[in-house]
Amino acid sequence: VRAYFEAEMAGDHARVWEMLAPSSKFKRMYSYPFYEELIRENPVRVKSYMIEEVVEIYDNPDQEQMPLVEKIGVVRVHVILSGDGGEDTEQTSTFTFLKETGKWLKG
């Protein structure tokens, strides 16, 4: 979770892309060039974050649909976003992370 959000804060788009799980819906549906285009069109960036709670970690209940996924983690994170509009936006969101081939990645 920390590595993912640190890459987001640094604006390291290649690293963020690497940290998306291959099994994630987003990565299965879109290409890296499409992701880069989304980033260019959206001026919102992660300014800071705080991990509030690891809500749960559990074994993959659907090995047939997600054969690479070993575990699923649910994490609540408070994020401050900045954009070109001036004021920051704060939100607390729940994120899913997947453990694939021994490595935790954003779902």
PDB file of N, CA and C in Angstrom:
ATOM      1  N   VAL A   1       0.843  -1.183   0.000  1.00  0.00           N
ATOM      2  CA  VAL A   1       0.000   0.000   0.000  1.00  0.00           C
ATOM      3  C   VAL A   1       0.887   1.244   0.000  1.00  0.00           C
ATOM      4  N   ARG A   2       1.899   1.232   0.868  1.00  0.00           N
ATOM      5  CA  ARG A   2       2.798   2.391   0.936  1.00  0.00           C
ATOM      6  C   ARG A   2       3.514   2.609  -0.399  1.00  0.00           C
ATOM      7  N   ALA A   3       4.063   1.550  -0.965  1.00  0.00           N
ATOM      8  CA  ALA A   3       4.807   1.678  -2.226  1.00  0.00           C
ATOM      9  C   ALA A   3       3.909   2.216  -3.333  1.00  0.00           C
ATOM     10  N   TYR A   4       2.665   1.754  -3.368  1.00  0.00           N
ATOM     11  CA  TYR A   4       1.733   2.223  -4.391  1.00  0.00           C
ATOM     12  C   TYR A   4       1.469   3.723  -4.233  1.00  0.00           C
ATOM     13  N   PHE A   5       1.132   4.151  -3.017  1.00  0.00           N
ATOM     14  CA  PHE A   5       0.811   5.562  -2.802  1.00  0.00           C
ATOM     15  C   PHE A   5       2.048   6.461  -2.906  1.00  0.00           C
ATOM     16  N   GLU A   6       3.218   5.956  -2.547  1.00  0.00           N
ATOM     17  CA  GLU A   6       4.442   6.739  -2.728  1.00  0.00           C
ATOM     18  C   GLU A   6       4.688   6.973  -4.221  1.00  0.00           C
ATOM     19  N   ALA A   7       4.446   5.966  -5.050  1.00  0.00           N
ATOM     20  CA  ALA A   7       4.592   6.129  -6.506  1.00  0.00           C
ATOM     21  C   ALA A   7       3.571   7.133  -7.032  1.00  0.00           C
ATOM     22  N   GLU A   8       2.353   7.072  -6.510  1.00  0.00           N
ATOM     23  CA  GLU A   8       1.320   8.044  -6.912  1.00  0.00           C
ATOM     24  C   GLU A   8       1.761   9.460  -6.556  1.00  0.00           C
ATOM     25  N   MET A   9       2.250   9.646  -5.321  1.00  0.00           N
ATOM     26  CA  MET A   9       2.662  10.981  -4.880  1.00  0.00           C
ATOM     27  C   MET A   9       3.844  11.500  -5.709  1.00  0.00           C
ATOM     28  N   ALA A  10       4.738  10.613  -6.092  1.00  0.00           N
ATOM     29  CA  ALA A  10       5.913  11.011  -6.865  1.00  0.00           C
ATOM     30  C   ALA A  10       5.581  11.276  -8.331  1.00  0.00           C
ATOM     31  N   GLY A  11       4.374  10.904  -8.733  1.00  0.00           N
ATOM     32  CA  GLY A  11       4.008  11.072 -10.135  1.00  0.00           C
ATOM     33  C   GLY A  11       4.721  10.088 -11.041  1.00  0.00           C
ATOM     34  N   ASP A  12       5.152   8.957 -10.466  1.00  0.00           N
ATOM     35  CA  ASP A  12       5.870   7.925 -11.218  1.00  0.00           C
ATOM     36  C   ASP A  12       4.849   6.996 -11.868  1.00  0.00           C
ATOM     37  N   HIS A  13       4.336   7.414 -13.009  1.00  0.00           N
ATOM     38  CA  HIS A  13       3.251   6.688 -13.670  1.00  0.00           C
ATOM     39  C   HIS A  13       3.659   5.275 -14.083  1.00  0.00           C
ATOM     40  N   ALA A  14       4.886   5.105 -14.512  1.00  0.00           N
ATOM     41  CA  ALA A  14       5.350   3.763 -14.901  1.00  0.00           C
ATOM     42  C   ALA A  14       5.333   2.835 -13.689  1.00  0.00           C
ATOM     43  N   ARG A  15       5.772   3.342 -12.543  1.00  0.00           N
ATOM     44  CA  ARG A  15       5.790   2.529 -11.316  1.00  0.00           C
ATOM     45  C   ARG A  15       4.366   2.224 -10.852  1.00  0.00           C
ATOM     46  N   VAL A  16       3.488   3.203 -10.922  1.00  0.00           N
ATOM     47  CA  VAL A  16       2.086   2.968 -10.549  1.00  0.00           C
ATOM     48  C   VAL A  16       1.517   1.854 -11.432  1.00  0.00           C
ATOM     49  N   TRP A  17       1.771   1.921 -12.726  1.00  0.00           N
ATOM     50  CA  TRP A  17       1.276   0.895 -13.656  1.00  0.00           C
ATOM     51  C   TRP A  17       1.826  -0.482 -13.274  1.00  0.00           C
ATOM     52  N   GLU A  18       3.120  -0.548 -12.930  1.00  0.00           N
ATOM     53  CA  GLU A  18       3.733  -1.810 -12.512  1.00  0.00           C
ATOM     54  C   GLU A  18       3.085  -2.363 -11.248  1.00  0.00           C
ATOM     55  N   MET A  19       2.588  -1.468 -10.407  1.00  0.00           N
ATOM     56  CA  MET A  19       2.011  -1.896  -9.134  1.00  0.00           C
ATOM     57  C   MET A  19       0.535  -2.261  -9.230  1.00  0.00           C
ATOM     58  N   LEU A  20      -0.029  -2.200 -10.428  1.00  0.00           N
ATOM     59  CA  LEU A  20      -1.401  -2.675 -10.631  1.00  0.00           C
ATOM     60  C   LEU A  20      -1.345  -4.176 -10.900  1.00  0.00           C
ATOM     61  N   ALA A  21      -2.152  -4.907 -10.190  1.00  0.00           N
ATOM     62  CA  ALA A  21      -2.158  -6.362 -10.332  1.00  0.00           C
ATOM     63  C   ALA A  21      -2.602  -6.768 -11.736  1.00  0.00           C
ATOM     64  N   PRO A  22      -1.901  -7.720 -12.359  1.00  0.00           N
ATOM     65  CA  PRO A  22      -2.339  -8.223 -13.660  1.00  0.00           C
ATOM     66  C   PRO A  22      -3.784  -8.727 -13.644  1.00  0.00           C
ATOM     67  N   SER A  23      -4.233  -9.200 -12.498  1.00  0.00           N
ATOM     68  CA  SER A  23      -5.608  -9.697 -12.374  1.00  0.00           C
ATOM     69  C   SER A  23      -6.630  -8.588 -12.172  1.00  0.00           C
ATOM     70  N   SER A  24      -6.170  -7.347 -11.953  1.00  0.00           N
ATOM     71  CA  SER A  24      -7.120  -6.254 -11.724  1.00  0.00           C
ATOM     72  C   SER A  24      -7.923  -5.984 -12.993  1.00  0.00           C
ATOM     73  N   LYS A  25      -9.142  -5.619 -12.794  1.00  0.00           N
ATOM     74  CA  LYS A  25     -10.030  -5.335 -13.924  1.00  0.00           C
ATOM     75  C   LYS A  25      -9.459  -4.221 -14.800  1.00  0.00           C
ATOM     76  N   PHE A  26      -8.933  -3.170 -14.168  1.00  0.00           N
ATOM     77  CA  PHE A  26      -8.397  -2.032 -14.918  1.00  0.00           C
ATOM     78  C   PHE A  26      -7.250  -2.471 -15.834  1.00  0.00           C
ATOM     79  N   LYS A  27      -6.312  -3.231 -15.292  1.00  0.00           N
ATOM     80  CA  LYS A  27      -5.144  -3.615 -16.082  1.00  0.00           C
ATOM     81  C   LYS A  27      -5.504  -4.617 -17.176  1.00  0.00           C
ATOM     82  N   ARG A  28      -6.501  -5.439 -16.922  1.00  0.00           N
ATOM     83  CA  ARG A  28      -6.944  -6.379 -17.958  1.00  0.00           C
ATOM     84  C   ARG A  28      -7.667  -5.664 -19.091  1.00  0.00           C
ATOM     85  N   MET A  29      -8.331  -4.546 -18.796  1.00  0.00           N
ATOM     86  CA  MET A  29      -9.143  -3.858 -19.797  1.00  0.00           C
ATOM     87  C   MET A  29      -8.384  -2.786 -20.578  1.00  0.00           C
ATOM     88  N   TYR A  30      -7.327  -2.211 -19.986  1.00  0.00           N
ATOM     89  CA  TYR A  30      -6.692  -1.058 -20.603  1.00  0.00           C
ATOM     90  C   TYR A  30      -5.198  -1.262 -20.790  1.00  0.00           C
ATOM     91  N   SER A  31      -4.644  -0.516 -21.715  1.00  0.00           N
ATOM     92  CA  SER A  31      -3.216  -0.570 -22.001  1.00  0.00           C
ATOM     93  C   SER A  31      -2.492   0.563 -21.266  1.00  0.00           C
ATOM     94  N   TYR A  32      -1.164   0.474 -21.226  1.00  0.00           N
ATOM     95  CA  TYR A  32      -0.379   1.531 -20.614  1.00  0.00           C
ATOM     96  C   TYR A  32      -0.555   2.861 -21.358  1.00  0.00           C
ATOM     97  N   PRO A  33      -0.545   2.877 -22.692  1.00  0.00           N
ATOM     98  CA  PRO A  33      -0.782   4.156 -23.385  1.00  0.00           C
ATOM     99  C   PRO A  33      -2.140   4.779 -23.032  1.00  0.00           C
ATOM    100  N   PHE A  34      -3.169   3.952 -22.871  1.00  0.00           N
ATOM    101  CA  PHE A  34      -4.476   4.476 -22.463  1.00  0.00           C
ATOM    102  C   PHE A  34      -4.390   5.073 -21.062  1.00  0.00           C
ATOM    103  N   TYR A  35      -3.711   4.377 -20.153  1.00  0.00           N
ATOM    104  CA  TYR A  35      -3.515   4.864 -18.786  1.00  0.00           C
ATOM    105  C   TYR A  35      -2.794   6.217 -18.799  1.00  0.00           C
ATOM    106  N   GLU A  36      -1.734   6.325 -19.605  1.00  0.00           N
ATOM    107  CA  GLU A  36      -1.012   7.596 -19.704  1.00  0.00           C
ATOM    108  C   GLU A  36      -1.926   8.722 -20.190  1.00  0.00           C
ATOM    109  N   GLU A  37      -2.799   8.423 -21.127  1.00  0.00           N
ATOM    110  CA  GLU A  37      -3.733   9.427 -21.640  1.00  0.00           C
ATOM    111  C   GLU A  37      -4.702   9.867 -20.535  1.00  0.00           C
ATOM    112  N   LEU A  38      -5.181   8.919 -19.743  1.00  0.00           N
ATOM    113  CA  LEU A  38      -6.057   9.265 -18.615  1.00  0.00           C
ATOM    114  C   LEU A  38      -5.355  10.219 -17.656  1.00  0.00           C
ATOM    115  N   ILE A  39      -4.103   9.948 -17.367  1.00  0.00           N
ATOM    116  CA  ILE A  39      -3.327  10.778 -16.446  1.00  0.00           C
ATOM    117  C   ILE A  39      -3.176  12.195 -17.008  1.00  0.00           C
ATOM    118  N   ARG A  40      -2.896  12.296 -18.298  1.00  0.00           N
ATOM    119  CA  ARG A  40      -2.732  13.621 -18.920  1.00  0.00           C
ATOM    120  C   ARG A  40      -4.026  14.426 -18.866  1.00  0.00           C
ATOM    121  N   GLU A  41      -5.156  13.740 -19.002  1.00  0.00           N
ATOM    122  CA  GLU A  41      -6.452  14.425 -19.029  1.00  0.00           C
ATOM    123  C   GLU A  41      -6.971  14.780 -17.639  1.00  0.00           C
ATOM    124  N   ASN A  42      -6.451  14.136 -16.602  1.00  0.00           N
ATOM    125  CA  ASN A  42      -6.946  14.330 -15.245  1.00  0.00           C
ATOM    126  C   ASN A  42      -5.858  14.990 -14.393  1.00  0.00           C
ATOM    127  N   PRO A  43      -6.042  16.251 -14.009  1.00  0.00           N
ATOM    128  CA  PRO A  43      -5.005  16.962 -13.252  1.00  0.00           C
ATOM    129  C   PRO A  43      -4.948  16.597 -11.763  1.00  0.00           C
ATOM    130  N   VAL A  44      -5.807  15.733 -11.278  1.00  0.00           N
ATOM    131  CA  VAL A  44      -5.839  15.389  -9.853  1.00  0.00           C
ATOM    132  C   VAL A  44      -4.666  14.465  -9.515  1.00  0.00           C
ATOM    133  N   ARG A  45      -3.976  14.796  -8.421  1.00  0.00           N
ATOM    134  CA  ARG A  45      -2.824  14.017  -7.972  1.00  0.00           C
ATOM    135  C   ARG A  45      -2.925  13.742  -6.476  1.00  0.00           C
ATOM    136  N   VAL A  46      -2.306  12.653  -6.042  1.00  0.00           N
ATOM    137  CA  VAL A  46      -2.253  12.333  -4.617  1.00  0.00           C
ATOM    138  C   VAL A  46      -1.197  13.229  -3.983  1.00  0.00           C
ATOM    139  N   LYS A  47      -1.626  14.043  -3.046  1.00  0.00           N
ATOM    140  CA  LYS A  47      -0.722  14.961  -2.335  1.00  0.00           C
ATOM    141  C   LYS A  47      -0.152  14.287  -1.089  1.00  0.00           C
ATOM    142  N   SER A  48      -1.018  13.579  -0.364  1.00  0.00           N
ATOM    143  CA  SER A  48      -0.581  12.829   0.813  1.00  0.00           C
ATOM    144  C   SER A  48      -1.602  11.736   1.102  1.00  0.00           C
ATOM    145  N   TYR A  49      -1.193  10.811   1.953  1.00  0.00           N
ATOM    146  CA  TYR A  49      -2.086   9.708   2.319  1.00  0.00           C
ATOM    147  C   TYR A  49      -1.754   9.235   3.725  1.00  0.00           C
ATOM    148  N   MET A  50      -2.705   8.566   4.343  1.00  0.00           N
ATOM    149  CA  MET A  50      -2.477   7.925   5.628  1.00  0.00           C
ATOM    150  C   MET A  50      -3.275   6.629   5.643  1.00  0.00           C
ATOM    151  N   ILE A  51      -2.584   5.535   5.865  1.00  0.00           N
ATOM    152  CA  ILE A  51      -3.264   4.246   5.972  1.00  0.00           C
ATOM    153  C   ILE A  51      -3.987   4.231   7.311  1.00  0.00           C
ATOM    154  N   GLU A  52      -5.304   4.092   7.264  1.00  0.00           N
ATOM    155  CA  GLU A  52      -6.091   4.100   8.496  1.00  0.00           C
ATOM    156  C   GLU A  52      -6.255   2.700   9.081  1.00  0.00           C
ATOM    157  N   GLU A  53      -6.465   1.728   8.205  1.00  0.00           N
ATOM    158  CA  GLU A  53      -6.736   0.391   8.731  1.00  0.00           C
ATOM    159  C   GLU A  53      -6.629  -0.654   7.624  1.00  0.00           C
ATOM    160  N   VAL A  54      -6.002  -1.769   7.962  1.00  0.00           N
ATOM    161  CA  VAL A  54      -6.117  -2.950   7.118  1.00  0.00           C
ATOM    162  C   VAL A  54      -7.401  -3.626   7.587  1.00  0.00           C
ATOM    163  N   VAL A  55      -8.432  -3.510   6.780  1.00  0.00           N
ATOM    164  CA  VAL A  55      -9.757  -3.980   7.177  1.00  0.00           C
ATOM    165  C   VAL A  55      -9.788  -5.497   7.273  1.00  0.00           C
ATOM    166  N   GLU A  56      -9.256  -6.163   6.238  1.00  0.00           N
ATOM    167  CA  GLU A  56      -9.190  -7.622   6.275  1.00  0.00           C
ATOM    168  C   GLU A  56      -8.251  -8.140   5.203  1.00  0.00           C
ATOM    169  N   ILE A  57      -7.745  -9.331   5.446  1.00  0.00           N
ATOM    170  CA  ILE A  57      -6.954 -10.069   4.472  1.00  0.00           C
ATOM    171  C   ILE A  57      -7.525 -11.479   4.466  1.00  0.00           C
ATOM    172  N   TYR A  58      -7.811 -11.979   3.266  1.00  0.00           N
ATOM    173  CA  TYR A  58      -8.387 -13.321   3.185  1.00  0.00           C
ATOM    174  C   TYR A  58      -7.868 -14.054   1.947  1.00  0.00           C
ATOM    175  N   ASP A  59      -7.976 -15.377   1.992  1.00  0.00           N
ATOM    176  CA  ASP A  59      -7.567 -16.205   0.863  1.00  0.00           C
ATOM    177  C   ASP A  59      -8.495 -15.971  -0.315  1.00  0.00           C
ATOM    178  N   ASN A  60      -7.963 -16.101  -1.502  1.00  0.00           N
ATOM    179  CA  ASN A  60      -8.744 -15.949  -2.725  1.00  0.00           C
ATOM    180  C   ASN A  60      -9.885 -16.973  -2.746  1.00  0.00           C
ATOM    181  N   PRO A  61     -11.135 -16.506  -2.781  1.00  0.00           N
ATOM    182  CA  PRO A  61     -12.261 -17.441  -2.782  1.00  0.00           C
ATOM    183  C   PRO A  61     -12.606 -17.969  -4.181  1.00  0.00           C
ATOM    184  N   ASP A  62     -11.956 -17.454  -5.225  1.00  0.00           N
ATOM    185  CA  ASP A  62     -12.303 -17.840  -6.595  1.00  0.00           C
ATOM    186  C   ASP A  62     -11.053 -18.091  -7.432  1.00  0.00           C
ATOM    187  N   GLN A  63     -10.389 -19.197  -7.148  1.00  0.00           N
ATOM    188  CA  GLN A  63      -9.163 -19.559  -7.866  1.00  0.00           C
ATOM    189  C   GLN A  63      -9.412 -19.784  -9.356  1.00  0.00           C
ATOM    190  N   GLU A  64     -10.617 -20.165  -9.711  1.00  0.00           N
ATOM    191  CA  GLU A  64     -10.916 -20.410 -11.120  1.00  0.00           C
ATOM    192  C   GLU A  64     -10.883 -19.112 -11.929  1.00  0.00           C
ATOM    193  N   GLN A  65     -11.494 -18.049 -11.410  1.00  0.00           N
ATOM    194  CA  GLN A  65     -11.541 -16.761 -12.110  1.00  0.00           C
ATOM    195  C   GLN A  65     -10.251 -15.954 -11.950  1.00  0.00           C
ATOM    196  N   MET A  66      -9.559 -16.124 -10.822  1.00  0.00           N
ATOM    197  CA  MET A  66      -8.338 -15.364 -10.549  1.00  0.00           C
ATOM    198  C   MET A  66      -7.231 -16.329 -10.106  1.00  0.00           C
ATOM    199  N   PRO A  67      -6.709 -17.131 -11.025  1.00  0.00           N
ATOM    200  CA  PRO A  67      -5.756 -18.174 -10.636  1.00  0.00           C
ATOM    201  C   PRO A  67      -4.427 -17.659 -10.077  1.00  0.00           C
ATOM    202  N   LEU A  68      -4.025 -16.446 -10.389  1.00  0.00           N
ATOM    203  CA  LEU A  68      -2.753 -15.903  -9.885  1.00  0.00           C
ATOM    204  C   LEU A  68      -2.873 -15.306  -8.493  1.00  0.00           C
ATOM    205  N   VAL A  69      -4.098 -15.036  -8.061  1.00  0.00           N
ATOM    206  CA  VAL A  69      -4.311 -14.341  -6.790  1.00  0.00           C
ATOM    207  C   VAL A  69      -4.255 -15.324  -5.623  1.00  0.00           C
ATOM    208  N   GLU A  70      -3.351 -15.037  -4.683  1.00  0.00           N
ATOM    209  CA  GLU A  70      -3.216 -15.865  -3.485  1.00  0.00           C
ATOM    210  C   GLU A  70      -4.100 -15.340  -2.351  1.00  0.00           C
ATOM    211  N   LYS A  71      -4.032 -14.027  -2.143  1.00  0.00           N
ATOM    212  CA  LYS A  71      -4.792 -13.391  -1.062  1.00  0.00           C
ATOM    213  C   LYS A  71      -5.357 -12.068  -1.547  1.00  0.00           C
ATOM    214  N   ILE A  72      -6.369 -11.597  -0.818  1.00  0.00           N
ATOM    215  CA  ILE A  72      -7.001 -10.311  -1.107  1.00  0.00           C
ATOM    216  C   ILE A  72      -6.956  -9.496   0.189  1.00  0.00           C
ATOM    217  N   GLY A  73      -6.526  -8.247   0.072  1.00  0.00           N
ATOM    218  CA  GLY A  73      -6.473  -7.360   1.214  1.00  0.00           C
ATOM    219  C   GLY A  73      -7.347  -6.142   0.974  1.00  0.00           C
ATOM    220  N   VAL A  74      -8.031  -5.722   2.012  1.00  0.00           N
ATOM    221  CA  VAL A  74      -8.879  -4.537   1.946  1.00  0.00           C
ATOM    222  C   VAL A  74      -8.297  -3.516   2.923  1.00  0.00           C
ATOM    223  N   VAL A  75      -7.987  -2.321   2.408  1.00  0.00           N
ATOM    224  CA  VAL A  75      -7.295  -1.307   3.205  1.00  0.00           C
ATOM    225  C   VAL A  75      -8.034   0.022   3.102  1.00  0.00           C
ATOM    226  N   ARG A  76      -8.250   0.667   4.254  1.00  0.00           N
ATOM    227  CA  ARG A  76      -8.880   1.993   4.273  1.00  0.00           C
ATOM    228  C   ARG A  76      -7.769   3.041   4.369  1.00  0.00           C
ATOM    229  N   VAL A  77      -7.813   3.999   3.425  1.00  0.00           N
ATOM    230  CA  VAL A  77      -6.764   5.006   3.323  1.00  0.00           C
ATOM    231  C   VAL A  77      -7.396   6.394   3.230  1.00  0.00           C
ATOM    232  N   HIS A  78      -6.861   7.322   4.025  1.00  0.00           N
ATOM    233  CA  HIS A  78      -7.266   8.725   3.944  1.00  0.00           C
ATOM    234  C   HIS A  78      -6.305   9.393   2.968  1.00  0.00           C
ATOM    235  N   VAL A  79      -6.858  10.022   1.939  1.00  0.00           N
ATOM    236  CA  VAL A  79      -6.049  10.600   0.866  1.00  0.00           C
ATOM    237  C   VAL A  79      -6.380  12.081   0.712  1.00  0.00           C
ATOM    238  N   ILE A  80      -5.344  12.890   0.517  1.00  0.00           N
ATOM    239  CA  ILE A  80      -5.530  14.292   0.158  1.00  0.00           C
ATOM    240  C   ILE A  80      -5.109  14.421  -1.304  1.00  0.00           C
ATOM    241  N   LEU A  81      -6.045  14.915  -2.110  1.00  0.00           N
ATOM    242  CA  LEU A  81      -5.826  15.070  -3.546  1.00  0.00           C
ATOM    243  C   LEU A  81      -5.678  16.541  -3.880  1.00  0.00           C
ATOM    244  N   SER A  82      -4.801  16.832  -4.830  1.00  0.00           N
ATOM    245  CA  SER A  82      -4.667  18.214  -5.299  1.00  0.00           C
ATOM    246  C   SER A  82      -4.886  18.221  -6.804  1.00  0.00           C
ATOM    247  N   GLY A  83      -5.389  19.333  -7.272  1.00  0.00           N
ATOM    248  CA  GLY A  83      -5.626  19.491  -8.700  1.00  0.00           C
ATOM    249  C   GLY A  83      -5.275  20.895  -9.104  1.00  0.00           C
ATOM    250  N   ASP A  84      -5.641  21.269 -10.308  1.00  0.00           N
ATOM    251  CA  ASP A  84      -5.307  22.621 -10.737  1.00  0.00           C
ATOM    252  C   ASP A  84      -6.396  23.627 -10.363  1.00  0.00           C
ATOM    253  N   GLY A  85      -7.379  23.185  -9.563  1.00  0.00           N
ATOM    254  CA  GLY A  85      -8.451  24.078  -9.142  1.00  0.00           C
ATOM    255  C   GLY A  85      -8.139  24.872  -7.885  1.00  0.00           C
ATOM    256  N   GLY A  86      -7.027  24.595  -7.219  1.00  0.00           N
ATOM    257  CA  GLY A  86      -6.660  25.380  -6.050  1.00  0.00           C
ATOM    258  C   GLY A  86      -6.812  24.637  -4.743  1.00  0.00           C
ATOM    259  N   GLU A  87      -8.040  24.277  -4.372  1.00  0.00           N
ATOM    260  CA  GLU A  87      -8.263  23.648  -3.080  1.00  0.00           C
ATOM    261  C   GLU A  87      -8.023  22.146  -3.134  1.00  0.00           C
ATOM    262  N   ASP A  88      -7.462  21.629  -2.036  1.00  0.00           N
ATOM    263  CA  ASP A  88      -7.272  20.188  -1.915  1.00  0.00           C
ATOM    264  C   ASP A  88      -8.592  19.526  -1.560  1.00  0.00           C
ATOM    265  N   THR A  89      -8.693  18.265  -1.886  1.00  0.00           N
ATOM    266  CA  THR A  89      -9.857  17.457  -1.562  1.00  0.00           C
ATOM    267  C   THR A  89      -9.399  16.300  -0.688  1.00  0.00           C
ATOM    268  N   GLU A  90     -10.126  16.065   0.398  1.00  0.00           N
ATOM    269  CA  GLU A  90      -9.808  14.937   1.283  1.00  0.00           C
ATOM    270  C   GLU A  90     -10.887  13.892   1.163  1.00  0.00           C
ATOM    271  N   GLN A  91     -10.441  12.630   1.185  1.00  0.00           N
ATOM    272  CA  GLN A  91     -11.416  11.540   1.164  1.00  0.00           C
ATOM    273  C   GLN A  91     -10.814  10.313   1.831  1.00  0.00           C
ATOM    274  N   THR A  92     -11.678   9.516   2.387  1.00  0.00           N
ATOM    275  CA  THR A  92     -11.270   8.229   2.923  1.00  0.00           C
ATOM    276  C   THR A  92     -11.918   7.179   2.043  1.00  0.00           C
ATOM    277  N   SER A  93     -11.086   6.302   1.500  1.00  0.00           N
ATOM    278  CA  SER A  93     -11.573   5.285   0.573  1.00  0.00           C
ATOM    279  C   SER A  93     -11.047   3.920   0.975  1.00  0.00           C
ATOM    280  N   THR A  94     -11.721   2.906   0.517  1.00  0.00           N
ATOM    281  CA  THR A  94     -11.304   1.535   0.734  1.00  0.00           C
ATOM    282  C   THR A  94     -10.734   1.006  -0.576  1.00  0.00           C
ATOM    283  N   PHE A  95      -9.529   0.453  -0.509  1.00  0.00           N
ATOM    284  CA  PHE A  95      -8.838  -0.066  -1.675  1.00  0.00           C
ATOM    285  C   PHE A  95      -8.622  -1.565  -1.519  1.00  0.00           C
ATOM    286  N   THR A  96      -8.622  -2.249  -2.638  1.00  0.00           N
ATOM    287  CA  THR A  96      -8.353  -3.681  -2.658  1.00  0.00           C
ATOM    288  C   THR A  96      -6.956  -3.905  -3.204  1.00  0.00           C
ATOM    289  N   PHE A  97      -6.193  -4.729  -2.515  1.00  0.00           N
ATOM    290  CA  PHE A  97      -4.869  -5.140  -2.975  1.00  0.00           C
ATOM    291  C   PHE A  97      -4.881  -6.656  -3.121  1.00  0.00           C
ATOM    292  N   LEU A  98      -4.182  -7.142  -4.129  1.00  0.00           N
ATOM    293  CA  LEU A  98      -4.136  -8.566  -4.423  1.00  0.00           C
ATOM    294  C   LEU A  98      -2.704  -9.066  -4.264  1.00  0.00           C
ATOM    295  N   LYS A  99      -2.556 -10.202  -3.622  1.00  0.00           N
ATOM    296  CA  LYS A  99      -1.246 -10.826  -3.542  1.00  0.00           C
ATOM    297  C   LYS A  99      -1.156 -11.830  -4.664  1.00  0.00           C
ATOM    298  N   GLU A 100      -0.291 -11.520  -5.639  1.00  0.00           N
ATOM    299  CA  GLU A 100      -0.105 -12.380  -6.813  1.00  0.00           C
ATOM    300  C   GLU A 100       1.367 -12.794  -6.875  1.00  0.00           C
ATOM    301  N   THR A 101       1.586 -14.077  -7.018  1.00  0.00           N
ATOM    302  CA  THR A 101       2.959 -14.636  -7.083  1.00  0.00           C
ATOM    303  C   THR A 101       3.863 -14.033  -6.008  1.00  0.00           C
ATOM    304  N   GLY A 102       3.329 -13.962  -4.780  1.00  0.00           N
ATOM    305  CA  GLY A 102       4.104 -13.533  -3.628  1.00  0.00           C
ATOM    306  C   GLY A 102       4.250 -12.028  -3.448  1.00  0.00           C
ATOM    307  N   LYS A 103       3.627 -11.223  -4.312  1.00  0.00           N
ATOM    308  CA  LYS A 103       3.806  -9.777  -4.260  1.00  0.00           C
ATOM    309  C   LYS A 103       2.440  -9.088  -4.146  1.00  0.00           C
ATOM    310  N   TRP A 104       2.345  -8.091  -3.244  1.00  0.00           N
ATOM    311  CA  TRP A 104       1.108  -7.332  -3.082  1.00  0.00           C
ATOM    312  C   TRP A 104       1.038  -6.233  -4.142  1.00  0.00           C
ATOM    313  N   LEU A 105      -0.087  -6.171  -4.861  1.00  0.00           N
ATOM    314  CA  LEU A 105      -0.320  -5.197  -5.919  1.00  0.00           C
ATOM    315  C   LEU A 105      -1.717  -4.623  -5.789  1.00  0.00           C
ATOM    316  N   LYS A 106      -1.916  -3.440  -6.322  1.00  0.00           N
ATOM    317  CA  LYS A 106      -3.243  -2.816  -6.243  1.00  0.00           C
ATOM    318  C   LYS A 106      -4.220  -3.538  -7.157  1.00  0.00           C
ATOM    319  N   GLY A 107      -5.382  -3.852  -6.611  1.00  0.00           N
ATOM    320  CA  GLY A 107      -6.426  -4.548  -7.369  1.00  0.00           C
ATOM    321  C   GLY A 107      -7.240  -3.620  -8.215  1.00  0.00           C
TER     322      GLY A 107
END
